[in-house]
């Protein structure tokens, strides 16, 4: 006798993820990451006038960096509130950007519409990684560039998600987002769709007053952590607080009076075949 495993409902997973990212206020965290957008635009050697798509743009770090370089930018996300934050930032700087609600797994653009396709800590969190990668390839023109910034499994954020997962397990069968931070997985996802790919391991440095300060900010504004704590009872919350604090202190290079936490990420530049 054989048993059949129930098929993973990726659509349901995506809807839960969408609700997670819509909770809190990711913009409070996201604005601190702006330097990664500037570095990525330099890594892809962005040129004025190029058509650029920012996928899962969040509050617009890659969007703003590209628009500052006079690119023709379309910024997308499936959380309208995040697009509103990005739009407010663009308007404050007088930047001309199109903002459009869109699912990274089903982008509403024709094949080969963009010279450059970017995503910073965004597309890596999609439920269906293969479909998301296929969409990045599809909307990028042949010879165009795909630029990504993804947390690595070994870095602080990769460890943070594993720590959270010990207390609030992720859906069974869903690939960890941090796999996008490995060269092997990227080659699996893009396959023959890319002619070449270069990667660069960088560190973004989180800077807070203390471990307690960082935890308070993330617990209040960062959707995945906010939802994790909400799913636990008081005992579970205490245990998660202990484990996250211990992790933060292990990575801290700021000593007793401040918090300086480097978190490794993979900067990716791929050429569409």
C-alpha atoms as a PDB file:
ATOM      1  CA  UNK A   1       0.000   0.000   0.000  1.00  0.00           C
ATOM      2  CA  UNK A   2       1.292   3.463  -0.876  1.00  0.00           C
ATOM      3  CA  UNK A   3       0.364   6.797   0.581  1.00  0.00           C
ATOM      4  CA  UNK A   4       0.137  10.063  -1.320  1.00  0.00           C
ATOM      5  CA  UNK A   5       1.622  13.172   0.243  1.00  0.00           C
ATOM      6  CA  UNK A   6      -0.686  16.203   0.016  1.00  0.00           C
ATOM      7  CA  UNK A   7       0.459  18.680  -2.618  1.00  0.00           C
ATOM      8  CA  UNK A   8       1.839  21.939  -1.261  1.00  0.00           C
ATOM      9  CA  UNK A   9      -0.573  24.808  -1.883  1.00  0.00           C
ATOM     10  CA  UNK A  10       1.858  27.527  -2.928  1.00  0.00           C
ATOM     11  CA  UNK A  11      -0.975  29.958  -3.575  1.00  0.00           C
ATOM     12  CA  UNK A  12      -2.083  29.711   0.048  1.00  0.00           C
ATOM     13  CA  UNK A  13       1.520  30.111   1.184  1.00  0.00           C
ATOM     14  CA  UNK A  14       1.863  33.228  -0.960  1.00  0.00           C
ATOM     15  CA  UNK A  15      -1.292  34.759   0.495  1.00  0.00           C
ATOM     16  CA  UNK A  16       0.021  34.203   4.016  1.00  0.00           C
ATOM     17  CA  UNK A  17       3.358  35.722   3.054  1.00  0.00           C
ATOM     18  CA  UNK A  18       1.614  38.728   1.535  1.00  0.00           C
ATOM     19  CA  UNK A  19      -0.259  39.285   4.780  1.00  0.00           C
ATOM     20  CA  UNK A  20       3.005  38.967   6.693  1.00  0.00           C
ATOM     21  CA  UNK A  21       4.786  41.632   4.653  1.00  0.00           C
ATOM     22  CA  UNK A  22       1.735  43.885   4.866  1.00  0.00           C
ATOM     23  CA  UNK A  23       1.897  43.769   8.667  1.00  0.00           C
ATOM     24  CA  UNK A  24       4.074  46.084  10.687  1.00  0.00           C
ATOM     25  CA  UNK A  25       5.825  48.752   8.629  1.00  0.00           C
ATOM     26  CA  UNK A  26       8.709  47.328   6.626  1.00  0.00           C
ATOM     27  CA  UNK A  27       9.681  50.826   5.498  1.00  0.00           C
ATOM     28  CA  UNK A  28      11.150  51.505   8.940  1.00  0.00           C
ATOM     29  CA  UNK A  29      13.585  48.622   8.385  1.00  0.00           C
ATOM     30  CA  UNK A  30      13.893  49.033   4.637  1.00  0.00           C
ATOM     31  CA  UNK A  31      15.161  52.612   4.633  1.00  0.00           C
ATOM     32  CA  UNK A  32      18.221  51.530   6.606  1.00  0.00           C
ATOM     33  CA  UNK A  33      19.166  49.216   3.712  1.00  0.00           C
ATOM     34  CA  UNK A  34      19.368  51.954   1.061  1.00  0.00           C
ATOM     35  CA  UNK A  35      23.109  51.541   0.521  1.00  0.00           C
ATOM     36  CA  UNK A  36      22.507  48.073  -0.949  1.00  0.00           C
ATOM     37  CA  UNK A  37      20.455  49.655  -3.734  1.00  0.00           C
ATOM     38  CA  UNK A  38      23.173  52.145  -4.560  1.00  0.00           C
ATOM     39  CA  UNK A  39      25.816  49.420  -4.653  1.00  0.00           C
ATOM     40  CA  UNK A  40      23.679  47.162  -6.835  1.00  0.00           C
ATOM     41  CA  UNK A  41      23.067  49.905  -9.405  1.00  0.00           C
ATOM     42  CA  UNK A  42      26.810  50.412  -9.624  1.00  0.00           C
ATOM     43  CA  UNK A  43      27.386  46.651  -9.889  1.00  0.00           C
ATOM     44  CA  UNK A  44      25.039  46.356 -12.890  1.00  0.00           C
ATOM     45  CA  UNK A  45      26.685  49.454 -14.419  1.00  0.00           C
ATOM     46  CA  UNK A  46      23.324  51.144 -14.805  1.00  0.00           C
ATOM     47  CA  UNK A  47      23.056  53.705 -17.601  1.00  0.00           C
ATOM     48  CA  UNK A  48      20.806  56.728 -17.953  1.00  0.00           C
ATOM     49  CA  UNK A  49      17.765  56.016 -20.097  1.00  0.00           C
ATOM     50  CA  UNK A  50      17.689  52.266 -19.523  1.00  0.00           C
ATOM     51  CA  UNK A  51      14.302  50.715 -18.760  1.00  0.00           C
ATOM     52  CA  UNK A  52      14.456  49.228 -15.249  1.00  0.00           C
ATOM     53  CA  UNK A  53      12.018  47.010 -13.367  1.00  0.00           C
ATOM     54  CA  UNK A  54      12.294  46.733  -9.579  1.00  0.00           C
ATOM     55  CA  UNK A  55      10.595  43.471  -8.524  1.00  0.00           C
ATOM     56  CA  UNK A  56       9.246  43.046  -4.987  1.00  0.00           C
ATOM     57  CA  UNK A  57      10.535  46.560  -4.484  1.00  0.00           C
ATOM     58  CA  UNK A  58       9.376  47.037  -0.909  1.00  0.00           C
ATOM     59  CA  UNK A  59       9.799  50.692  -0.020  1.00  0.00           C
ATOM     60  CA  UNK A  60      11.921  51.288  -3.122  1.00  0.00           C
ATOM     61  CA  UNK A  61      15.638  51.105  -2.370  1.00  0.00           C
ATOM     62  CA  UNK A  62      16.619  49.827  -5.826  1.00  0.00           C
ATOM     63  CA  UNK A  63      13.894  51.995  -7.349  1.00  0.00           C
ATOM     64  CA  UNK A  64      15.310  55.215  -5.928  1.00  0.00           C
ATOM     65  CA  UNK A  65      18.907  54.285  -6.686  1.00  0.00           C
ATOM     66  CA  UNK A  66      18.044  53.605 -10.338  1.00  0.00           C
ATOM     67  CA  UNK A  67      15.926  56.748 -10.688  1.00  0.00           C
ATOM     68  CA  UNK A  68      18.763  58.847  -9.266  1.00  0.00           C
ATOM     69  CA  UNK A  69      20.807  57.598 -12.209  1.00  0.00           C
ATOM     70  CA  UNK A  70      18.176  58.834 -14.695  1.00  0.00           C
ATOM     71  CA  UNK A  71      16.862  55.387 -15.575  1.00  0.00           C
ATOM     72  CA  UNK A  72      13.249  54.833 -16.694  1.00  0.00           C
ATOM     73  CA  UNK A  73      12.015  52.956 -13.612  1.00  0.00           C
ATOM     74  CA  UNK A  74       8.943  50.837 -12.909  1.00  0.00           C
ATOM     75  CA  UNK A  75       8.608  49.831  -9.248  1.00  0.00           C
ATOM     76  CA  UNK A  76       6.431  46.839  -8.311  1.00  0.00           C
ATOM     77  CA  UNK A  77       5.322  45.017  -5.184  1.00  0.00           C
ATOM     78  CA  UNK A  78       2.267  43.025  -4.097  1.00  0.00           C
ATOM     79  CA  UNK A  79       1.828  45.101  -0.935  1.00  0.00           C
ATOM     80  CA  UNK A  80       0.204  48.439  -1.883  1.00  0.00           C
ATOM     81  CA  UNK A  81       1.262  50.144   1.352  1.00  0.00           C
ATOM     82  CA  UNK A  82       4.921  49.512   0.548  1.00  0.00           C
ATOM     83  CA  UNK A  83       4.494  51.016  -2.920  1.00  0.00           C
ATOM     84  CA  UNK A  84       2.965  54.075  -1.269  1.00  0.00           C
ATOM     85  CA  UNK A  85       6.052  54.421   0.920  1.00  0.00           C
ATOM     86  CA  UNK A  86       8.301  54.158  -2.133  1.00  0.00           C
ATOM     87  CA  UNK A  87       6.204  56.676  -4.022  1.00  0.00           C
ATOM     88  CA  UNK A  88       6.376  59.157  -1.134  1.00  0.00           C
ATOM     89  CA  UNK A  89      10.158  58.824  -1.076  1.00  0.00           C
ATOM     90  CA  UNK A  90      10.389  59.337  -4.840  1.00  0.00           C
ATOM     91  CA  UNK A  91       8.142  62.399  -4.722  1.00  0.00           C
ATOM     92  CA  UNK A  92      10.213  63.871  -1.894  1.00  0.00           C
ATOM     93  CA  UNK A  93      13.261  63.723  -4.166  1.00  0.00           C
ATOM     94  CA  UNK A  94      11.405  64.796  -7.304  1.00  0.00           C
ATOM     95  CA  UNK A  95      12.107  61.467  -9.012  1.00  0.00           C
ATOM     96  CA  UNK A  96       9.936  60.284 -11.907  1.00  0.00           C
ATOM     97  CA  UNK A  97       8.991  56.646 -11.211  1.00  0.00           C
ATOM     98  CA  UNK A  98       6.030  54.459 -12.213  1.00  0.00           C
ATOM     99  CA  UNK A  99       4.603  52.459  -9.308  1.00  0.00           C
ATOM    100  CA  UNK A 100       2.477  49.402 -10.064  1.00  0.00           C
ATOM    101  CA  UNK A 101       1.061  46.646  -7.889  1.00  0.00           C
ATOM    102  CA  UNK A 102       2.326  43.309  -9.204  1.00  0.00           C
ATOM    103  CA  UNK A 103       3.043  39.753  -8.116  1.00  0.00           C
ATOM    104  CA  UNK A 104       6.671  38.714  -8.662  1.00  0.00           C
ATOM    105  CA  UNK A 105       5.426  35.296  -9.764  1.00  0.00           C
ATOM    106  CA  UNK A 106       3.088  36.772 -12.405  1.00  0.00           C
ATOM    107  CA  UNK A 107       4.512  40.035 -13.692  1.00  0.00           C
ATOM    108  CA  UNK A 108       2.072  41.987 -15.913  1.00  0.00           C
ATOM    109  CA  UNK A 109       4.634  42.890 -18.568  1.00  0.00           C
ATOM    110  CA  UNK A 110       5.430  41.597 -22.025  1.00  0.00           C
ATOM    111  CA  UNK A 111       8.434  39.398 -22.736  1.00  0.00           C
ATOM    112  CA  UNK A 112      11.701  41.309 -22.926  1.00  0.00           C
ATOM    113  CA  UNK A 113      10.203  44.604 -21.701  1.00  0.00           C
ATOM    114  CA  UNK A 114      13.166  45.776 -19.633  1.00  0.00           C
ATOM    115  CA  UNK A 115      16.888  46.349 -20.061  1.00  0.00           C
ATOM    116  CA  UNK A 116      17.543  45.762 -16.359  1.00  0.00           C
ATOM    117  CA  UNK A 117      15.556  43.791 -13.779  1.00  0.00           C
ATOM    118  CA  UNK A 118      16.439  44.347 -10.110  1.00  0.00           C
ATOM    119  CA  UNK A 119      15.344  42.954  -6.754  1.00  0.00           C
ATOM    120  CA  UNK A 120      16.772  43.693  -3.317  1.00  0.00           C
ATOM    121  CA  UNK A 121      15.799  41.288  -0.525  1.00  0.00           C
ATOM    122  CA  UNK A 122      12.516  40.874  -2.386  1.00  0.00           C
ATOM    123  CA  UNK A 123      12.103  38.112  -4.947  1.00  0.00           C
ATOM    124  CA  UNK A 124      14.013  35.771  -2.634  1.00  0.00           C
ATOM    125  CA  UNK A 125      10.914  35.623  -0.396  1.00  0.00           C
ATOM    126  CA  UNK A 126       8.532  34.347  -3.087  1.00  0.00           C
ATOM    127  CA  UNK A 127       6.717  31.085  -2.389  1.00  0.00           C
ATOM    128  CA  UNK A 128       7.362  29.575  -5.832  1.00  0.00           C
ATOM    129  CA  UNK A 129      11.045  30.233  -6.456  1.00  0.00           C
ATOM    130  CA  UNK A 130      11.121  28.576  -9.884  1.00  0.00           C
ATOM    131  CA  UNK A 131       8.179  30.623 -11.144  1.00  0.00           C
ATOM    132  CA  UNK A 132       9.642  33.859  -9.805  1.00  0.00           C
ATOM    133  CA  UNK A 133      12.999  33.184 -11.488  1.00  0.00           C
ATOM    134  CA  UNK A 134      11.225  32.369 -14.744  1.00  0.00           C
ATOM    135  CA  UNK A 135       9.409  35.705 -14.584  1.00  0.00           C
ATOM    136  CA  UNK A 136      12.637  37.637 -14.017  1.00  0.00           C
ATOM    137  CA  UNK A 137      14.076  35.987 -17.106  1.00  0.00           C
ATOM    138  CA  UNK A 138      10.934  36.489 -19.187  1.00  0.00           C
ATOM    139  CA  UNK A 139      10.590  40.237 -18.709  1.00  0.00           C
ATOM    140  CA  UNK A 140      14.320  40.930 -19.178  1.00  0.00           C
ATOM    141  CA  UNK A 141      15.356  41.421 -22.798  1.00  0.00           C
ATOM    142  CA  UNK A 142      18.010  39.130 -24.337  1.00  0.00           C
ATOM    143  CA  UNK A 143      21.387  40.585 -23.447  1.00  0.00           C
ATOM    144  CA  UNK A 144      19.833  42.521 -20.576  1.00  0.00           C
ATOM    145  CA  UNK A 145      20.857  42.386 -16.942  1.00  0.00           C
ATOM    146  CA  UNK A 146      19.326  40.862 -13.840  1.00  0.00           C
ATOM    147  CA  UNK A 147      20.690  42.286 -10.576  1.00  0.00           C
ATOM    148  CA  UNK A 148      19.822  40.767  -7.204  1.00  0.00           C
ATOM    149  CA  UNK A 149      20.688  41.263  -3.555  1.00  0.00           C
ATOM    150  CA  UNK A 150      19.903  38.200  -1.410  1.00  0.00           C
ATOM    151  CA  UNK A 151      20.696  37.297   2.184  1.00  0.00           C
ATOM    152  CA  UNK A 152      22.970  34.246   2.471  1.00  0.00           C
ATOM    153  CA  UNK A 153      22.209  31.211   4.643  1.00  0.00           C
ATOM    154  CA  UNK A 154      25.406  31.767   6.643  1.00  0.00           C
ATOM    155  CA  UNK A 155      24.843  35.442   7.413  1.00  0.00           C
ATOM    156  CA  UNK A 156      23.021  37.063  10.308  1.00  0.00           C
ATOM    157  CA  UNK A 157      19.609  37.275   8.605  1.00  0.00           C
ATOM    158  CA  UNK A 158      19.909  33.683   7.395  1.00  0.00           C
ATOM    159  CA  UNK A 159      20.572  32.661  10.993  1.00  0.00           C
ATOM    160  CA  UNK A 160      17.743  34.875  12.219  1.00  0.00           C
ATOM    161  CA  UNK A 161      15.191  33.103  10.025  1.00  0.00           C
ATOM    162  CA  UNK A 162      16.447  29.714  11.170  1.00  0.00           C
ATOM    163  CA  UNK A 163      16.134  30.862  14.776  1.00  0.00           C
ATOM    164  CA  UNK A 164      12.564  32.029  14.210  1.00  0.00           C
ATOM    165  CA  UNK A 165      11.823  28.771  12.384  1.00  0.00           C
ATOM    166  CA  UNK A 166      12.734  26.740  15.456  1.00  0.00           C
ATOM    167  CA  UNK A 167       9.888  28.410  17.312  1.00  0.00           C
ATOM    168  CA  UNK A 168       7.422  28.987  14.462  1.00  0.00           C
ATOM    169  CA  UNK A 169       8.189  26.411  11.744  1.00  0.00           C
ATOM    170  CA  UNK A 170       7.784  27.577   8.128  1.00  0.00           C
ATOM    171  CA  UNK A 171       5.343  25.727   5.840  1.00  0.00           C
ATOM    172  CA  UNK A 172       6.595  22.227   5.085  1.00  0.00           C
ATOM    173  CA  UNK A 173       8.005  21.846   1.601  1.00  0.00           C
ATOM    174  CA  UNK A 174       8.758  25.535   0.994  1.00  0.00           C
ATOM    175  CA  UNK A 175      12.362  26.241   0.065  1.00  0.00           C
ATOM    176  CA  UNK A 176      14.168  28.621   2.454  1.00  0.00           C
ATOM    177  CA  UNK A 177      14.447  32.147   0.992  1.00  0.00           C
ATOM    178  CA  UNK A 178      18.166  32.213   1.819  1.00  0.00           C
ATOM    179  CA  UNK A 179      18.819  29.622  -0.911  1.00  0.00           C
ATOM    180  CA  UNK A 180      18.699  32.607  -3.282  1.00  0.00           C
ATOM    181  CA  UNK A 181      21.898  33.652  -1.510  1.00  0.00           C
ATOM    182  CA  UNK A 182      23.800  30.644  -2.903  1.00  0.00           C
ATOM    183  CA  UNK A 183      25.393  30.343  -6.320  1.00  0.00           C
ATOM    184  CA  UNK A 184      24.238  26.748  -6.670  1.00  0.00           C
ATOM    185  CA  UNK A 185      20.561  27.578  -6.230  1.00  0.00           C
ATOM    186  CA  UNK A 186      20.775  30.545  -8.582  1.00  0.00           C
ATOM    187  CA  UNK A 187      22.211  28.344 -11.318  1.00  0.00           C
ATOM    188  CA  UNK A 188      19.402  25.862 -10.685  1.00  0.00           C
ATOM    189  CA  UNK A 189      16.780  28.592 -10.920  1.00  0.00           C
ATOM    190  CA  UNK A 190      18.095  30.420 -13.983  1.00  0.00           C
ATOM    191  CA  UNK A 191      19.636  27.487 -15.848  1.00  0.00           C
ATOM    192  CA  UNK A 192      20.276  28.179 -19.521  1.00  0.00           C
ATOM    193  CA  UNK A 193      18.360  31.446 -19.297  1.00  0.00           C
ATOM    194  CA  UNK A 194      21.536  33.328 -18.412  1.00  0.00           C
ATOM    195  CA  UNK A 195      24.717  33.603 -20.427  1.00  0.00           C
ATOM    196  CA  UNK A 196      26.911  34.495 -17.457  1.00  0.00           C
ATOM    197  CA  UNK A 197      26.645  35.361 -13.808  1.00  0.00           C
ATOM    198  CA  UNK A 198      28.972  37.063 -11.362  1.00  0.00           C
ATOM    199  CA  UNK A 199      28.479  37.159  -7.610  1.00  0.00           C
ATOM    200  CA  UNK A 200      30.004  39.200  -4.835  1.00  0.00           C
ATOM    201  CA  UNK A 201      29.646  38.503  -1.129  1.00  0.00           C
ATOM    202  CA  UNK A 202      29.082  41.735   0.768  1.00  0.00           C
ATOM    203  CA  UNK A 203      27.997  42.677   4.279  1.00  0.00           C
ATOM    204  CA  UNK A 204      25.287  45.081   5.267  1.00  0.00           C
ATOM    205  CA  UNK A 205      25.847  46.353   8.804  1.00  0.00           C
ATOM    206  CA  UNK A 206      22.856  46.766  11.097  1.00  0.00           C
ATOM    207  CA  UNK A 207      23.494  49.547  13.621  1.00  0.00           C
ATOM    208  CA  UNK A 208      21.290  49.900  16.689  1.00  0.00           C
ATOM    209  CA  UNK A 209      21.651  51.136  20.262  1.00  0.00           C
ATOM    210  CA  UNK A 210      21.548  47.654  21.766  1.00  0.00           C
ATOM    211  CA  UNK A 211      20.247  44.139  21.203  1.00  0.00           C
ATOM    212  CA  UNK A 212      17.049  45.104  23.009  1.00  0.00           C
ATOM    213  CA  UNK A 213      16.629  48.139  20.744  1.00  0.00           C
ATOM    214  CA  UNK A 214      17.096  46.075  17.583  1.00  0.00           C
ATOM    215  CA  UNK A 215      14.679  43.424  18.798  1.00  0.00           C
ATOM    216  CA  UNK A 216      12.077  46.045  19.691  1.00  0.00           C
ATOM    217  CA  UNK A 217      12.299  47.688  16.242  1.00  0.00           C
ATOM    218  CA  UNK A 218      12.133  44.378  14.375  1.00  0.00           C
ATOM    219  CA  UNK A 219       9.364  42.991  16.577  1.00  0.00           C
ATOM    220  CA  UNK A 220       7.292  46.123  15.989  1.00  0.00           C
ATOM    221  CA  UNK A 221       7.889  46.800  12.290  1.00  0.00           C
ATOM    222  CA  UNK A 222       9.347  43.697  10.569  1.00  0.00           C
ATOM    223  CA  UNK A 223       6.430  41.574   9.400  1.00  0.00           C
ATOM    224  CA  UNK A 224       8.025  38.102   9.690  1.00  0.00           C
ATOM    225  CA  UNK A 225       9.134  38.742  13.275  1.00  0.00           C
ATOM    226  CA  UNK A 226       5.930  40.510  14.261  1.00  0.00           C
ATOM    227  CA  UNK A 227       3.874  37.528  13.015  1.00  0.00           C
ATOM    228  CA  UNK A 228       6.186  35.028  14.706  1.00  0.00           C
ATOM    229  CA  UNK A 229       5.760  36.626  18.104  1.00  0.00           C
ATOM    230  CA  UNK A 230       2.000  36.933  17.555  1.00  0.00           C
ATOM    231  CA  UNK A 231       1.795  33.171  16.944  1.00  0.00           C
ATOM    232  CA  UNK A 232       3.372  32.311  20.309  1.00  0.00           C
ATOM    233  CA  UNK A 233       2.081  32.349  23.852  1.00  0.00           C
ATOM    234  CA  UNK A 234       3.926  34.234  26.591  1.00  0.00           C
ATOM    235  CA  UNK A 235       6.308  31.349  27.300  1.00  0.00           C
ATOM    236  CA  UNK A 236       7.086  30.945  23.628  1.00  0.00           C
ATOM    237  CA  UNK A 237       7.670  34.671  23.208  1.00  0.00           C
ATOM    238  CA  UNK A 238      10.101  34.652  26.114  1.00  0.00           C
ATOM    239  CA  UNK A 239      12.022  31.756  24.585  1.00  0.00           C
ATOM    240  CA  UNK A 240      12.154  33.400  21.150  1.00  0.00           C
ATOM    241  CA  UNK A 241      13.323  36.666  22.710  1.00  0.00           C
ATOM    242  CA  UNK A 242      16.123  34.810  24.475  1.00  0.00           C
ATOM    243  CA  UNK A 243      17.292  33.017  21.336  1.00  0.00           C
ATOM    244  CA  UNK A 244      17.203  36.115  19.121  1.00  0.00           C
ATOM    245  CA  UNK A 245      19.031  38.177  21.738  1.00  0.00           C
ATOM    246  CA  UNK A 246      21.685  35.489  22.009  1.00  0.00           C
ATOM    247  CA  UNK A 247      22.070  35.429  18.212  1.00  0.00           C
ATOM    248  CA  UNK A 248      22.347  39.213  17.992  1.00  0.00           C
ATOM    249  CA  UNK A 249      24.969  39.310  20.714  1.00  0.00           C
ATOM    250  CA  UNK A 250      26.953  36.569  18.977  1.00  0.00           C
ATOM    251  CA  UNK A 251      27.161  38.635  15.785  1.00  0.00           C
ATOM    252  CA  UNK A 252      27.623  41.988  17.553  1.00  0.00           C
ATOM    253  CA  UNK A 253      30.921  43.761  16.899  1.00  0.00           C
ATOM    254  CA  UNK A 254      29.966  46.949  18.720  1.00  0.00           C
ATOM    255  CA  UNK A 255      30.954  45.970  22.224  1.00  0.00           C
ATOM    256  CA  UNK A 256      28.881  46.611  25.314  1.00  0.00           C
ATOM    257  CA  UNK A 257      27.799  50.171  24.444  1.00  0.00           C
ATOM    258  CA  UNK A 258      26.351  49.773  20.944  1.00  0.00           C
ATOM    259  CA  UNK A 259      25.192  47.221  18.411  1.00  0.00           C
ATOM    260  CA  UNK A 260      27.032  46.659  15.138  1.00  0.00           C
ATOM    261  CA  UNK A 261      25.860  43.497  13.385  1.00  0.00           C
ATOM    262  CA  UNK A 262      27.278  42.605   9.937  1.00  0.00           C
ATOM    263  CA  UNK A 263      24.963  40.471   7.814  1.00  0.00           C
ATOM    264  CA  UNK A 264      26.327  38.789   4.709  1.00  0.00           C
ATOM    265  CA  UNK A 265      24.430  39.044   1.442  1.00  0.00           C
ATOM    266  CA  UNK A 266      25.082  37.925  -2.113  1.00  0.00           C
ATOM    267  CA  UNK A 267      25.174  40.583  -4.811  1.00  0.00           C
ATOM    268  CA  UNK A 268      24.279  38.983  -8.148  1.00  0.00           C
ATOM    269  CA  UNK A 269      24.713  40.298 -11.705  1.00  0.00           C
ATOM    270  CA  UNK A 270      23.477  37.994 -14.467  1.00  0.00           C
ATOM    271  CA  UNK A 271      23.269  38.522 -18.231  1.00  0.00           C
ATOM    272  CA  UNK A 272      20.109  37.279 -19.931  1.00  0.00           C
ATOM    273  CA  UNK A 273      20.850  34.869 -22.744  1.00  0.00           C
END
